Amino acid sequence: MPTKVHAEHILVKTNQEANSILFDLNRGANFEEIAKNRSLCPSGKNGGDLGWFGRGMMVKEF
């Protein structure tokens, strides 16, 4: 198991928004561009990049 991982994400409010983004990504849309334009997380301005972190440094969902 790695000691550190790198993560990117796109934060939205609804399942409908998430499904729409997933549809776009499956059709070849650029993850970073979608994150910049649609993510509610401040990391969106960086393409959704959360950086590197170790076990226990992020919320349980990660």
PDB file of N, CA and C in Angstrom:
ATOM      1  N   MET A   1       0.843  -1.172   0.000  1.00  0.00           N
ATOM      2  CA  MET A   1       0.000   0.000   0.000  1.00  0.00           C
ATOM      3  C   MET A   1       0.895   1.246   0.000  1.00  0.00           C
ATOM      4  N   PRO A   2       0.603   2.204  -0.876  1.00  0.00           N
ATOM      5  CA  PRO A   2       1.432   3.408  -0.941  1.00  0.00           C
ATOM      6  C   PRO A   2       1.299   4.245   0.331  1.00  0.00           C
ATOM      7  N   THR A   3       2.368   4.963   0.662  1.00  0.00           N
ATOM      8  CA  THR A   3       2.319   5.825   1.841  1.00  0.00           C
ATOM      9  C   THR A   3       1.680   7.168   1.528  1.00  0.00           C
ATOM     10  N   LYS A   4       1.706   7.552   0.263  1.00  0.00           N
ATOM     11  CA  LYS A   4       1.066   8.797  -0.174  1.00  0.00           C
ATOM     12  C   LYS A   4       0.336   8.548  -1.485  1.00  0.00           C
ATOM     13  N   VAL A   5      -0.729   9.311  -1.690  1.00  0.00           N
ATOM     14  CA  VAL A   5      -1.484   9.235  -2.938  1.00  0.00           C
ATOM     15  C   VAL A   5      -1.731  10.645  -3.457  1.00  0.00           C
ATOM     16  N   HIS A   6      -1.988  10.731  -4.741  1.00  0.00           N
ATOM     17  CA  HIS A   6      -2.319  11.996  -5.382  1.00  0.00           C
ATOM     18  C   HIS A   6      -3.767  11.916  -5.825  1.00  0.00           C
ATOM     19  N   ALA A   7      -4.530  12.975  -5.583  1.00  0.00           N
ATOM     20  CA  ALA A   7      -5.952  12.940  -5.931  1.00  0.00           C
ATOM     21  C   ALA A   7      -6.384  14.217  -6.631  1.00  0.00           C
ATOM     22  N   GLU A   8      -7.376  14.041  -7.488  1.00  0.00           N
ATOM     23  CA  GLU A   8      -8.069  15.147  -8.145  1.00  0.00           C
ATOM     24  C   GLU A   8      -9.554  14.857  -8.010  1.00  0.00           C
ATOM     25  N   HIS A   9     -10.363  15.904  -7.903  1.00  0.00           N
ATOM     26  CA  HIS A   9     -11.800  15.672  -7.835  1.00  0.00           C
ATOM     27  C   HIS A   9     -12.574  16.855  -8.377  1.00  0.00           C
ATOM     28  N   ILE A  10     -13.856  16.598  -8.593  1.00  0.00           N
ATOM     29  CA  ILE A  10     -14.809  17.616  -9.010  1.00  0.00           C
ATOM     30  C   ILE A  10     -15.961  17.537  -8.015  1.00  0.00           C
ATOM     31  N   LEU A  11     -16.214  18.613  -7.310  1.00  0.00           N
ATOM     32  CA  LEU A  11     -17.257  18.647  -6.286  1.00  0.00           C
ATOM     33  C   LEU A  11     -18.503  19.333  -6.839  1.00  0.00           C
ATOM     34  N   VAL A  12     -19.625  18.631  -6.783  1.00  0.00           N
ATOM     35  CA  VAL A  12     -20.913  19.183  -7.211  1.00  0.00           C
ATOM     36  C   VAL A  12     -21.957  18.874  -6.143  1.00  0.00           C
ATOM     37  N   LYS A  13     -23.124  19.516  -6.244  1.00  0.00           N
ATOM     38  CA  LYS A  13     -24.160  19.349  -5.227  1.00  0.00           C
ATOM     39  C   LYS A  13     -25.068  18.155  -5.455  1.00  0.00           C
ATOM     40  N   THR A  14     -25.336  17.813  -6.705  1.00  0.00           N
ATOM     41  CA  THR A  14     -26.367  16.805  -6.962  1.00  0.00           C
ATOM     42  C   THR A  14     -25.836  15.612  -7.750  1.00  0.00           C
ATOM     43  N   ASN A  15     -26.537  14.501  -7.609  1.00  0.00           N
ATOM     44  CA  ASN A  15     -26.215  13.317  -8.414  1.00  0.00           C
ATOM     45  C   ASN A  15     -26.413  13.606  -9.890  1.00  0.00           C
ATOM     46  N   GLN A  16     -27.399  14.426 -10.219  1.00  0.00           N
ATOM     47  CA  GLN A  16     -27.650  14.771 -11.617  1.00  0.00           C
ATOM     48  C   GLN A  16     -26.435  15.477 -12.220  1.00  0.00           C
ATOM     49  N   GLU A  17     -25.857  16.417 -11.484  1.00  0.00           N
ATOM     50  CA  GLU A  17     -24.649  17.103 -11.963  1.00  0.00           C
ATOM     51  C   GLU A  17     -23.487  16.123 -12.111  1.00  0.00           C
ATOM     52  N   ALA A  18     -23.326  15.250 -11.130  1.00  0.00           N
ATOM     53  CA  ALA A  18     -22.241  14.264 -11.181  1.00  0.00           C
ATOM     54  C   ALA A  18     -22.405  13.342 -12.380  1.00  0.00           C
ATOM     55  N   ASN A  19     -23.627  12.889 -12.629  1.00  0.00           N
ATOM     56  CA  ASN A  19     -23.878  12.006 -13.770  1.00  0.00           C
ATOM     57  C   ASN A  19     -23.636  12.719 -15.090  1.00  0.00           C
ATOM     58  N   SER A  20     -23.993  13.992 -15.161  1.00  0.00           N
ATOM     59  CA  SER A  20     -23.748  14.774 -16.373  1.00  0.00           C
ATOM     60  C   SER A  20     -22.249  14.901 -16.639  1.00  0.00           C
ATOM     61  N   ILE A  21     -21.483  15.158 -15.595  1.00  0.00           N
ATOM     62  CA  ILE A  21     -20.030  15.264 -15.728  1.00  0.00           C
ATOM     63  C   ILE A  21     -19.434  13.919 -16.120  1.00  0.00           C
ATOM     64  N   LEU A  22     -19.893  12.851 -15.491  1.00  0.00           N
ATOM     65  CA  LEU A  22     -19.401  11.516 -15.834  1.00  0.00           C
ATOM     66  C   LEU A  22     -19.679  11.199 -17.298  1.00  0.00           C
ATOM     67  N   PHE A  23     -20.858  11.557 -17.775  1.00  0.00           N
ATOM     68  CA  PHE A  23     -21.211  11.362 -19.180  1.00  0.00           C
ATOM     69  C   PHE A  23     -20.219  12.103 -20.079  1.00  0.00           C
ATOM     70  N   ASP A  24     -19.959  13.367 -19.750  1.00  0.00           N
ATOM     71  CA  ASP A  24     -19.017  14.169 -20.544  1.00  0.00           C
ATOM     72  C   ASP A  24     -17.611  13.569 -20.526  1.00  0.00           C
ATOM     73  N   LEU A  25     -17.157  13.131 -19.352  1.00  0.00           N
ATOM     74  CA  LEU A  25     -15.825  12.529 -19.247  1.00  0.00           C
ATOM     75  C   LEU A  25     -15.727  11.243 -20.056  1.00  0.00           C
ATOM     76  N   ASN A  26     -16.765  10.443 -20.019  1.00  0.00           N
ATOM     77  CA  ASN A  26     -16.771   9.197 -20.793  1.00  0.00           C
ATOM     78  C   ASN A  26     -16.759   9.450 -22.289  1.00  0.00           C
ATOM     79  N   ARG A  27     -17.148  10.630 -22.698  1.00  0.00           N
ATOM     80  CA  ARG A  27     -17.117  11.009 -24.114  1.00  0.00           C
ATOM     81  C   ARG A  27     -15.836  11.752 -24.480  1.00  0.00           C
ATOM     82  N   GLY A  28     -14.890  11.814 -23.535  1.00  0.00           N
ATOM     83  CA  GLY A  28     -13.586  12.389 -23.847  1.00  0.00           C
ATOM     84  C   GLY A  28     -13.345  13.804 -23.377  1.00  0.00           C
ATOM     85  N   ALA A  29     -14.264  14.371 -22.595  1.00  0.00           N
ATOM     86  CA  ALA A  29     -14.059  15.730 -22.095  1.00  0.00           C
ATOM     87  C   ALA A  29     -12.822  15.775 -21.197  1.00  0.00           C
ATOM     88  N   ASN A  30     -12.220  16.936 -21.104  1.00  0.00           N
ATOM     89  CA  ASN A  30     -11.011  17.138 -20.312  1.00  0.00           C
ATOM     90  C   ASN A  30     -11.368  17.340 -18.837  1.00  0.00           C
ATOM     91  N   PHE A  31     -10.841  16.475 -17.966  1.00  0.00           N
ATOM     92  CA  PHE A  31     -11.139  16.524 -16.535  1.00  0.00           C
ATOM     93  C   PHE A  31     -10.810  17.894 -15.943  1.00  0.00           C
ATOM     94  N   GLU A  32      -9.620  18.399 -16.233  1.00  0.00           N
ATOM     95  CA  GLU A  32      -9.187  19.667 -15.650  1.00  0.00           C
ATOM     96  C   GLU A  32     -10.097  20.817 -16.057  1.00  0.00           C
ATOM     97  N   GLU A  33     -10.513  20.841 -17.308  1.00  0.00           N
ATOM     98  CA  GLU A  33     -11.397  21.909 -17.775  1.00  0.00           C
ATOM     99  C   GLU A  33     -12.762  21.829 -17.098  1.00  0.00           C
ATOM    100  N   ILE A  34     -13.286  20.619 -16.962  1.00  0.00           N
ATOM    101  CA  ILE A  34     -14.571  20.466 -16.275  1.00  0.00           C
ATOM    102  C   ILE A  34     -14.436  20.913 -14.824  1.00  0.00           C
ATOM    103  N   ALA A  35     -13.363  20.525 -14.166  1.00  0.00           N
ATOM    104  CA  ALA A  35     -13.149  20.937 -12.775  1.00  0.00           C
ATOM    105  C   ALA A  35     -13.089  22.461 -12.667  1.00  0.00           C
ATOM    106  N   LYS A  36     -12.369  23.095 -13.565  1.00  0.00           N
ATOM    107  CA  LYS A  36     -12.245  24.556 -13.533  1.00  0.00           C
ATOM    108  C   LYS A  36     -13.590  25.240 -13.720  1.00  0.00           C
ATOM    109  N   ASN A  37     -14.437  24.673 -14.571  1.00  0.00           N
ATOM    110  CA  ASN A  37     -15.702  25.315 -14.917  1.00  0.00           C
ATOM    111  C   ASN A  37     -16.887  24.905 -14.055  1.00  0.00           C
ATOM    112  N   ARG A  38     -16.830  23.728 -13.423  1.00  0.00           N
ATOM    113  CA  ARG A  38     -18.032  23.229 -12.763  1.00  0.00           C
ATOM    114  C   ARG A  38     -17.870  22.826 -11.303  1.00  0.00           C
ATOM    115  N   SER A  39     -16.643  22.683 -10.823  1.00  0.00           N
ATOM    116  CA  SER A  39     -16.445  22.237  -9.442  1.00  0.00           C
ATOM    117  C   SER A  39     -16.743  23.357  -8.453  1.00  0.00           C
ATOM    118  N   LEU A  40     -17.372  22.993  -7.343  1.00  0.00           N
ATOM    119  CA  LEU A  40     -17.651  23.938  -6.266  1.00  0.00           C
ATOM    120  C   LEU A  40     -16.483  24.060  -5.293  1.00  0.00           C
ATOM    121  N   CYS A  41     -15.539  23.151  -5.384  1.00  0.00           N
ATOM    122  CA  CYS A  41     -14.374  23.147  -4.500  1.00  0.00           C
ATOM    123  C   CYS A  41     -13.354  24.184  -4.982  1.00  0.00           C
ATOM    124  N   PRO A  42     -12.696  24.881  -4.066  1.00  0.00           N
ATOM    125  CA  PRO A  42     -11.645  25.813  -4.479  1.00  0.00           C
ATOM    126  C   PRO A  42     -10.550  25.160  -5.321  1.00  0.00           C
ATOM    127  N   SER A  43     -10.366  23.840  -5.188  1.00  0.00           N
ATOM    128  CA  SER A  43      -9.360  23.147  -5.998  1.00  0.00           C
ATOM    129  C   SER A  43      -9.714  23.165  -7.481  1.00  0.00           C
ATOM    130  N   GLY A  44     -10.954  23.495  -7.800  1.00  0.00           N
ATOM    131  CA  GLY A  44     -11.373  23.549  -9.199  1.00  0.00           C
ATOM    132  C   GLY A  44     -10.516  24.488 -10.024  1.00  0.00           C
ATOM    133  N   LYS A  45     -10.093  25.592  -9.420  1.00  0.00           N
ATOM    134  CA  LYS A  45      -9.265  26.549 -10.166  1.00  0.00           C
ATOM    135  C   LYS A  45      -7.935  25.941 -10.581  1.00  0.00           C
ATOM    136  N   ASN A  46      -7.535  24.858  -9.908  1.00  0.00           N
ATOM    137  CA  ASN A  46      -6.310  24.120 -10.245  1.00  0.00           C
ATOM    138  C   ASN A  46      -6.629  22.818 -10.964  1.00  0.00           C
ATOM    139  N   GLY A  47      -7.767  22.764 -11.612  1.00  0.00           N
ATOM    140  CA  GLY A  47      -8.149  21.562 -12.343  1.00  0.00           C
ATOM    141  C   GLY A  47      -8.591  20.423 -11.448  1.00  0.00           C
ATOM    142  N   GLY A  48      -8.966  20.739 -10.214  1.00  0.00           N
ATOM    143  CA  GLY A  48      -9.419  19.722  -9.272  1.00  0.00           C
ATOM    144  C   GLY A  48      -8.301  19.041  -8.510  1.00  0.00           C
ATOM    145  N   ASP A  49      -7.078  19.515  -8.683  1.00  0.00           N
ATOM    146  CA  ASP A  49      -5.905  18.882  -8.065  1.00  0.00           C
ATOM    147  C   ASP A  49      -5.888  19.122  -6.558  1.00  0.00           C
ATOM    148  N   LEU A  50      -5.923  18.038  -5.789  1.00  0.00           N
ATOM    149  CA  LEU A  50      -5.849  18.111  -4.327  1.00  0.00           C
ATOM    150  C   LEU A  50      -4.438  17.888  -3.811  1.00  0.00           C
ATOM    151  N   GLY A  51      -3.534  17.516  -4.694  1.00  0.00           N
ATOM    152  CA  GLY A  51      -2.150  17.286  -4.307  1.00  0.00           C
ATOM    153  C   GLY A  51      -1.919  15.905  -3.716  1.00  0.00           C
ATOM    154  N   TRP A  52      -0.790  15.769  -3.026  1.00  0.00           N
ATOM    155  CA  TRP A  52      -0.373  14.511  -2.411  1.00  0.00           C
ATOM    156  C   TRP A  52      -0.718  14.528  -0.935  1.00  0.00           C
ATOM    157  N   PHE A  53      -1.145  13.387  -0.405  1.00  0.00           N
ATOM    158  CA  PHE A  53      -1.416  13.289   1.017  1.00  0.00           C
ATOM    159  C   PHE A  53      -1.278  11.853   1.486  1.00  0.00           C
ATOM    160  N   GLY A  54      -1.015  11.711   2.781  1.00  0.00           N
ATOM    161  CA  GLY A  54      -0.850  10.391   3.380  1.00  0.00           C
ATOM    162  C   GLY A  54      -2.120   9.908   4.055  1.00  0.00           C
ATOM    163  N   ARG A  55      -2.099   8.669   4.486  1.00  0.00           N
ATOM    164  CA  ARG A  55      -3.238   8.049   5.160  1.00  0.00           C
ATOM    165  C   ARG A  55      -3.659   8.896   6.367  1.00  0.00           C
ATOM    166  N   GLY A  56      -4.970   9.127   6.473  1.00  0.00           N
ATOM    167  CA  GLY A  56      -5.522   9.867   7.597  1.00  0.00           C
ATOM    168  C   GLY A  56      -5.463  11.374   7.472  1.00  0.00           C
ATOM    169  N   MET A  57      -4.912  11.886   6.370  1.00  0.00           N
ATOM    170  CA  MET A  57      -4.790  13.334   6.202  1.00  0.00           C
ATOM    171  C   MET A  57      -6.016  13.962   5.552  1.00  0.00           C
ATOM    172  N   MET A  58      -6.876  13.158   4.963  1.00  0.00           N
ATOM    173  CA  MET A  58      -8.071  13.669   4.288  1.00  0.00           C
ATOM    174  C   MET A  58      -9.317  13.091   4.948  1.00  0.00           C
ATOM    175  N   VAL A  59     -10.471  13.560   4.519  1.00  0.00           N
ATOM    176  CA  VAL A  59     -11.734  13.050   5.048  1.00  0.00           C
ATOM    177  C   VAL A  59     -11.870  11.567   4.732  1.00  0.00           C
ATOM    178  N   LYS A  60     -12.657  10.863   5.505  1.00  0.00           N
ATOM    179  CA  LYS A  60     -12.791   9.411   5.400  1.00  0.00           C
ATOM    180  C   LYS A  60     -13.162   8.951   3.983  1.00  0.00           C
ATOM    181  N   GLU A  61     -13.990   9.721   3.269  1.00  0.00           N
ATOM    182  CA  GLU A  61     -14.426   9.333   1.926  1.00  0.00           C
ATOM    183  C   GLU A  61     -13.254   9.107   0.976  1.00  0.00           C
ATOM    184  N   PHE A  62     -12.137   9.750   1.227  1.00  0.00           N
ATOM    185  CA  PHE A  62     -10.957   9.552   0.400  1.00  0.00           C
ATOM    186  C   PHE A  62     -10.194   8.324   0.842  1.00  0.00           C
TER     187      PHE A  62
END
